Each structure stands twice: as C-alpha cells, then as structure tokens.
Amino acid sequence: MRHEHELVADQLLNIIREHSIKSVCDYGCADGAVLELLYQKAPSDVFFTGFDFFHDQNQMTKKNKDRLTFVDRKSEDFNMIRNEQNYDLVILMHTVSHFNTPVTEMKNVLKFLKSGSYIYIVEIAYDKKTPSEIASYFGVFLEELHQELSDDYLTRHYTKEQLVDLLALEDLDLVFCDTETYEAPKDETDKVTESLIKVYQDWHDSYNDANEVKKSFMSQMFKIEIELLKKYSYSASSRTKLLYKKK
C-alpha cells in the first residue's frame, strides 16, 4: 500500500503538468519527502523550495540540489526570499493546523503567490466517525489538553468547512475541495501506535511535579487512549484537499 506522500505527490504532479507550473514552494515541508518525490518526477524545468524550522526540529537544513532548495524559516535567506520571491504553486501539507494565528499566517503565506498562482492544502479531515477516527480524535483531544496544561505549542484542527471558511478571501478562487480516506499500511499503523504509546507515557512521567488532581486525571485519559489505540489503531484517516487560484 502506498504512503500518503506518494499519493499527494501524484496529485501535485498532475497540477504541475496541467497548469504549467515552473516554481513550487512547500511551506512547512518537514523532512522534505513530498518535494523529493516531485523533484524526481516533475519536468526538469520546475524548481522547488522547502521552508521549515529545521534547527528547531533538531535537524540541519537538508542538502540542496540543482533545482531543490531547503531554507530554514529563521535564516536571513528566508527573510530575503519572503520579500522578493513569488511561486506558481505553494503547498501547505499538514501545516495550517500548526498556525498559531491562522488568518494572519495564511495572509503571510499568500504573499508568496502572484496573480494566477495556486495554493494546495492538505489537512486531516475531522469530519468522519469511523471507530479508528474516533480513536484518533480522542488522541487529538489529549494532545491539545497536554499542550494547554504544559503551556506548550498548540495544534489546531479543522473540519473541511472550517478550512474553506479560513480561505474565504476575496483574492482566492476555489478550484476543488475533496475529502479522501487514506488507508495506512499495517506496519505503518503499528509503528504509529507504538510511538504514540511512548509519547503518552513520557507525558505522564512529566507530570511528576504536578498536583495530584492533574496527574490522576491525565493518567486515566492516557489509559483510555492506549486501549483505543490497541483496539482500533490508526488504520484509516480522512484528508481534506483543497486547491485555490489567486486572482
């Protein structure tokens, strides 16, 4: 079974070819997996740029190639590009959910677009109600609760309608909006389940200095989520995919 990155890359390749895209920016590219796939398969006259907080993620900026450049969001290079560069296509894959001030940060992203450019967005769709997805929603609730209690970075989550509302800007036209279910391979879901259980245990251990009420409450929540994970795993998850064109 194919990885989500491959499925997204295939759809992006169609967009690149159909609309004669020559420059692509992945805003929040993480390890650059999608850009690497596009770099390998796209026409040789397409250039790619990936932005992220590489040093904050304890990884050095990835090695650049002839048509593929990675730029740290805290670098001077990023500040220069932000003021001077526009792209034919901007990708936001699981990035909008990390915006602390969504409207403001989305407007900053749109500055990278010129008239006739496109922006492609992928986020987990918090609309479905399968047992696996309900289990994952409970995990999201735990994540948000932990972040709130720890004064940590807060992740936001969107239904399809909420994403469309966020992008309801006068200078954008909606090209398509789809919700697709991604069936994850079993070995991948097993690894995710194992890693999440470890994360929850680490969180639990971090509450040693917390008051007993908080520690007891979170302990019960973690036990429920671990049982849900073991029973349902994350075998399926829906994605909202949107494509907009700037007027």
Protein backbone atom coordinates (compact mmCIF):
# COMPACT_ATOMS: atom_id res chain seq x y z
CA MET A 1 0.00 0.00 0.00
CA ARG A 2 1.34 3.43 -0.98
CA HIS A 3 2.38 6.10 1.51
CA GLU A 4 0.35 9.30 1.77
CA HIS A 5 3.32 11.30 0.50
CA GLU A 6 3.25 9.35 -2.77
CA LEU A 7 -0.49 9.90 -3.24
CA VAL A 8 -0.15 13.63 -2.60
CA ALA A 9 2.86 13.86 -4.90
CA ASP A 10 0.89 12.19 -7.71
CA GLN A 11 -1.91 14.74 -7.42
CA LEU A 12 0.58 17.60 -7.29
CA LEU A 13 2.35 16.27 -10.41
CA ASN A 14 -0.97 16.42 -12.27
CA ILE A 15 -1.45 20.01 -11.11
CA ILE A 16 2.10 20.93 -12.15
CA ARG A 17 1.63 19.49 -15.63
CA GLU A 18 -1.92 20.74 -16.17
CA HIS A 19 -1.15 24.33 -15.16
CA SER A 20 2.43 24.55 -16.50
CA ILE A 21 3.86 25.18 -13.04
CA LYS A 22 7.53 26.20 -13.03
CA SER A 23 8.18 27.09 -9.36
CA VAL A 24 6.91 25.26 -6.26
CA CYS A 25 7.19 26.13 -2.57
CA ASP A 26 6.40 23.68 0.23
CA TYR A 27 5.71 25.92 3.21
CA GLY A 28 6.31 23.68 6.23
CA CYS A 29 7.96 20.85 4.33
CA ALA A 30 9.16 18.86 7.40
CA ASP A 31 11.67 16.30 6.10
CA GLY A 32 11.04 17.31 2.50
CA ALA A 33 9.64 13.92 1.46
CA VAL A 34 6.99 15.32 -0.90
CA LEU A 35 9.44 17.74 -2.53
CA GLU A 36 11.95 14.93 -3.07
CA LEU A 37 9.29 12.91 -4.90
CA LEU A 38 8.27 15.88 -7.02
CA TYR A 39 11.89 16.67 -7.80
CA GLN A 40 12.39 13.13 -9.12
CA LYS A 41 9.24 13.01 -11.26
CA ALA A 42 8.40 16.56 -12.38
CA PRO A 43 9.65 18.10 -15.63
CA SER A 44 13.28 19.20 -15.47
CA ASP A 45 12.42 22.91 -15.76
CA VAL A 46 10.48 23.01 -12.46
CA PHE A 47 12.24 24.47 -9.41
CA PHE A 48 11.38 23.57 -5.79
CA THR A 49 11.86 25.32 -2.43
CA GLY A 50 11.10 23.94 1.04
CA PHE A 51 10.65 26.07 4.17
CA ASP A 52 10.60 24.86 7.77
CA PHE A 53 12.14 25.37 11.21
CA PHE A 54 14.85 22.77 10.61
CA HIS A 55 17.04 23.73 13.56
CA ASP A 56 14.07 23.79 15.93
CA GLN A 57 13.40 20.20 14.85
CA ASN A 58 16.98 19.25 15.80
CA GLN A 59 17.95 18.61 12.19
CA MET A 60 20.28 20.55 9.96
CA THR A 61 18.94 22.14 6.80
CA LYS A 62 18.67 19.41 4.20
CA LYS A 63 21.22 19.23 1.41
CA ASN A 64 20.25 21.30 -1.62
CA LYS A 65 20.22 20.04 -5.20
CA ASP A 66 20.31 21.83 -8.53
CA ARG A 67 16.55 22.57 -8.62
CA LEU A 68 15.69 21.81 -4.98
CA THR A 69 16.47 24.23 -2.16
CA PHE A 70 15.70 23.98 1.56
CA VAL A 71 15.61 27.15 3.66
CA ASP A 72 15.33 27.48 7.43
CA ARG A 73 12.47 29.75 8.49
CA LYS A 74 14.75 31.60 10.94
CA SER A 75 17.51 32.26 8.42
CA GLU A 76 18.34 35.51 6.64
CA ASP A 77 17.78 33.68 3.36
CA PHE A 78 14.13 33.17 4.30
CA ASN A 79 13.66 36.85 5.08
CA MET A 80 15.14 37.78 1.72
CA ILE A 81 13.02 35.24 -0.19
CA ARG A 82 9.88 36.36 1.64
CA ASN A 83 10.37 39.91 0.39
CA GLU A 84 11.36 39.07 -3.17
CA GLN A 85 10.09 35.67 -4.32
CA ASN A 86 6.75 34.50 -5.74
CA TYR A 87 5.82 30.94 -6.71
CA ASP A 88 3.45 29.34 -9.20
CA LEU A 89 2.35 26.79 -6.57
CA VAL A 90 2.52 26.83 -2.76
CA ILE A 91 1.95 23.61 -0.80
CA LEU A 92 0.62 23.51 2.77
CA MET A 93 0.59 19.86 3.83
CA HIS A 94 -0.41 19.41 7.48
CA THR A 95 0.84 22.95 8.06
CA VAL A 96 -2.27 25.08 8.62
CA SER A 97 -3.01 23.11 11.80
CA HIS A 98 0.23 24.50 13.26
CA PHE A 99 -0.59 28.16 12.66
CA ASN A 100 -0.99 29.95 15.99
CA THR A 101 -2.79 32.86 14.34
CA PRO A 102 -4.36 31.18 11.27
CA VAL A 103 -5.76 34.24 9.46
CA THR A 104 -2.60 36.33 9.86
CA GLU A 105 -0.25 33.49 8.95
CA MET A 106 -2.35 32.49 5.95
CA LYS A 107 -2.17 36.05 4.66
CA ASN A 108 1.63 35.90 5.04
CA VAL A 109 1.72 32.67 3.01
CA LEU A 110 -0.39 34.24 0.26
CA LYS A 111 2.32 36.88 -0.21
CA PHE A 112 4.35 34.15 -1.91
CA LEU A 113 1.68 33.90 -4.63
CA LYS A 114 1.29 36.05 -7.70
CA SER A 115 -1.81 36.51 -9.81
CA GLY A 116 -2.68 33.19 -11.44
CA SER A 117 -0.70 31.13 -8.90
CA TYR A 118 -2.12 28.20 -6.93
CA ILE A 119 -2.13 27.10 -3.30
CA TYR A 120 -2.68 23.42 -2.42
CA ILE A 121 -3.70 22.46 1.13
CA VAL A 122 -3.89 19.07 2.85
CA GLU A 123 -5.17 18.59 6.40
CA ILE A 124 -6.66 15.75 8.41
CA ALA A 125 -10.44 15.95 7.98
CA TYR A 126 -12.13 15.94 11.36
CA ASP A 127 -15.50 15.05 9.86
CA LYS A 128 -15.70 11.24 9.79
CA LYS A 129 -16.90 8.96 12.58
CA THR A 130 -15.34 5.54 11.98
CA PRO A 131 -14.07 3.77 15.15
CA SER A 132 -10.45 4.33 14.07
CA GLU A 133 -11.00 8.04 13.51
CA ILE A 134 -12.91 8.48 16.76
CA ALA A 135 -9.92 6.91 18.49
CA SER A 136 -7.62 9.34 16.74
CA TYR A 137 -9.87 12.29 17.71
CA PHE A 138 -9.54 11.28 21.34
CA GLY A 139 -5.78 11.35 20.83
CA VAL A 140 -6.09 14.87 19.41
CA PHE A 141 -8.07 15.91 22.48
CA LEU A 142 -5.28 14.54 24.68
CA GLU A 143 -2.65 16.34 22.65
CA GLU A 144 -4.46 19.66 22.98
CA LEU A 145 -5.10 19.11 26.68
CA HIS A 146 -1.45 18.27 27.30
CA GLN A 147 -0.29 21.32 25.37
CA GLU A 148 -2.66 23.55 27.31
CA LEU A 149 -1.57 22.16 30.69
CA SER A 150 2.10 22.41 29.72
CA ASP A 151 1.85 25.89 28.17
CA ASP A 152 3.20 24.23 25.04
CA TYR A 153 2.71 24.83 21.32
CA LEU A 154 -0.97 24.38 20.47
CA THR A 155 -2.10 22.48 17.37
CA ARG A 156 -5.43 23.42 15.77
CA HIS A 157 -7.74 21.00 13.96
CA TYR A 158 -10.22 21.71 11.19
CA THR A 159 -13.25 20.21 9.52
CA LYS A 160 -13.50 20.69 5.76
CA GLU A 161 -15.99 23.52 6.22
CA GLN A 162 -13.70 25.31 8.66
CA LEU A 163 -10.80 25.16 6.22
CA VAL A 164 -12.96 26.55 3.44
CA ASP A 165 -14.07 29.38 5.75
CA LEU A 166 -10.45 30.16 6.61
CA LEU A 167 -9.61 30.50 2.91
CA ALA A 168 -12.71 32.57 2.10
CA LEU A 169 -10.61 35.50 0.95
CA GLU A 170 -11.55 37.91 -1.82
CA ASP A 171 -8.45 37.26 -3.93
CA LEU A 172 -8.77 33.43 -4.00
CA ASP A 173 -10.96 31.22 -6.19
CA LEU A 174 -11.67 27.64 -5.08
CA VAL A 175 -10.68 25.16 -7.82
CA PHE A 176 -11.53 21.96 -5.95
CA CYS A 177 -12.25 20.68 -2.44
CA ASP A 178 -12.19 16.92 -1.81
CA THR A 179 -12.22 14.62 1.18
CA GLU A 180 -10.36 11.34 0.72
CA THR A 181 -9.75 8.40 3.05
CA TYR A 182 -6.17 7.28 3.38
CA GLU A 183 -5.75 3.61 4.30
CA ALA A 184 -2.45 3.27 6.09
CA PRO A 185 -0.32 0.09 5.76
CA LYS A 186 -0.43 -2.13 8.86
CA ASP A 187 3.30 -1.88 9.55
CA GLU A 188 2.97 1.92 9.47
CA THR A 189 -0.01 1.97 11.86
CA ASP A 190 1.79 -0.41 14.24
CA LYS A 191 4.77 1.95 14.37
CA VAL A 192 2.50 4.95 14.93
CA THR A 193 0.67 3.12 17.72
CA GLU A 194 3.92 2.15 19.44
CA SER A 195 5.38 5.65 19.17
CA LEU A 196 2.19 7.29 20.49
CA ILE A 197 2.05 4.97 23.47
CA LYS A 198 5.61 6.00 24.30
CA VAL A 199 4.71 9.68 23.87
CA TYR A 200 1.78 9.33 26.27
CA GLN A 201 3.96 7.55 28.80
CA ASP A 202 6.57 10.31 28.57
CA TRP A 203 3.85 12.91 29.07
CA HIS A 204 2.55 11.02 32.08
CA ASP A 205 6.02 10.87 33.62
CA SER A 206 6.45 14.60 33.07
CA TYR A 207 3.58 15.27 35.49
CA ASN A 208 5.55 14.01 38.50
CA ASP A 209 5.80 17.52 39.86
CA ALA A 210 2.20 18.38 39.04
CA ASN A 211 -0.61 18.43 41.56
CA GLU A 212 -2.27 15.07 42.20
CA VAL A 213 -5.59 16.03 40.58
CA LYS A 214 -3.94 16.85 37.26
CA LYS A 215 -1.71 13.78 37.38
CA SER A 216 -4.59 11.42 38.22
CA PHE A 217 -6.87 12.88 35.55
CA MET A 218 -4.27 12.68 32.78
CA SER A 219 -3.31 9.17 33.84
CA GLN A 220 -6.90 7.99 33.31
CA MET A 221 -7.09 9.76 29.95
CA PHE A 222 -3.87 8.11 28.77
CA LYS A 223 -5.14 4.67 29.76
CA ILE A 224 -8.32 5.17 27.71
CA GLU A 225 -6.40 6.35 24.64
CA ILE A 226 -3.88 3.48 24.81
CA GLU A 227 -6.73 0.97 24.91
CA LEU A 228 -8.35 2.69 21.91
CA LEU A 229 -5.06 2.60 20.05
CA LYS A 230 -4.55 -1.09 20.73
CA LYS A 231 -8.09 -1.92 19.64
CA TYR A 232 -8.50 0.25 16.54
CA SER A 233 -5.03 1.55 15.65
CA TYR A 234 -4.91 4.33 13.05
CA SER A 235 -5.84 2.15 10.10
CA ALA A 236 -7.73 4.86 8.23
CA SER A 237 -7.84 8.61 8.29
CA SER A 238 -9.54 11.16 6.06
CA ARG A 239 -7.83 14.10 4.41
CA THR A 240 -9.28 17.37 3.16
CA LYS A 241 -7.54 18.52 -0.03
CA LEU A 242 -8.11 21.99 -1.46
CA LEU A 243 -6.74 23.85 -4.44
CA TYR A 244 -7.16 27.62 -4.79
CA LYS A 245 -6.11 30.02 -7.53
CA LYS A 246 -5.09 33.59 -6.77
CA LYS A 247 -6.95 36.17 -8.84
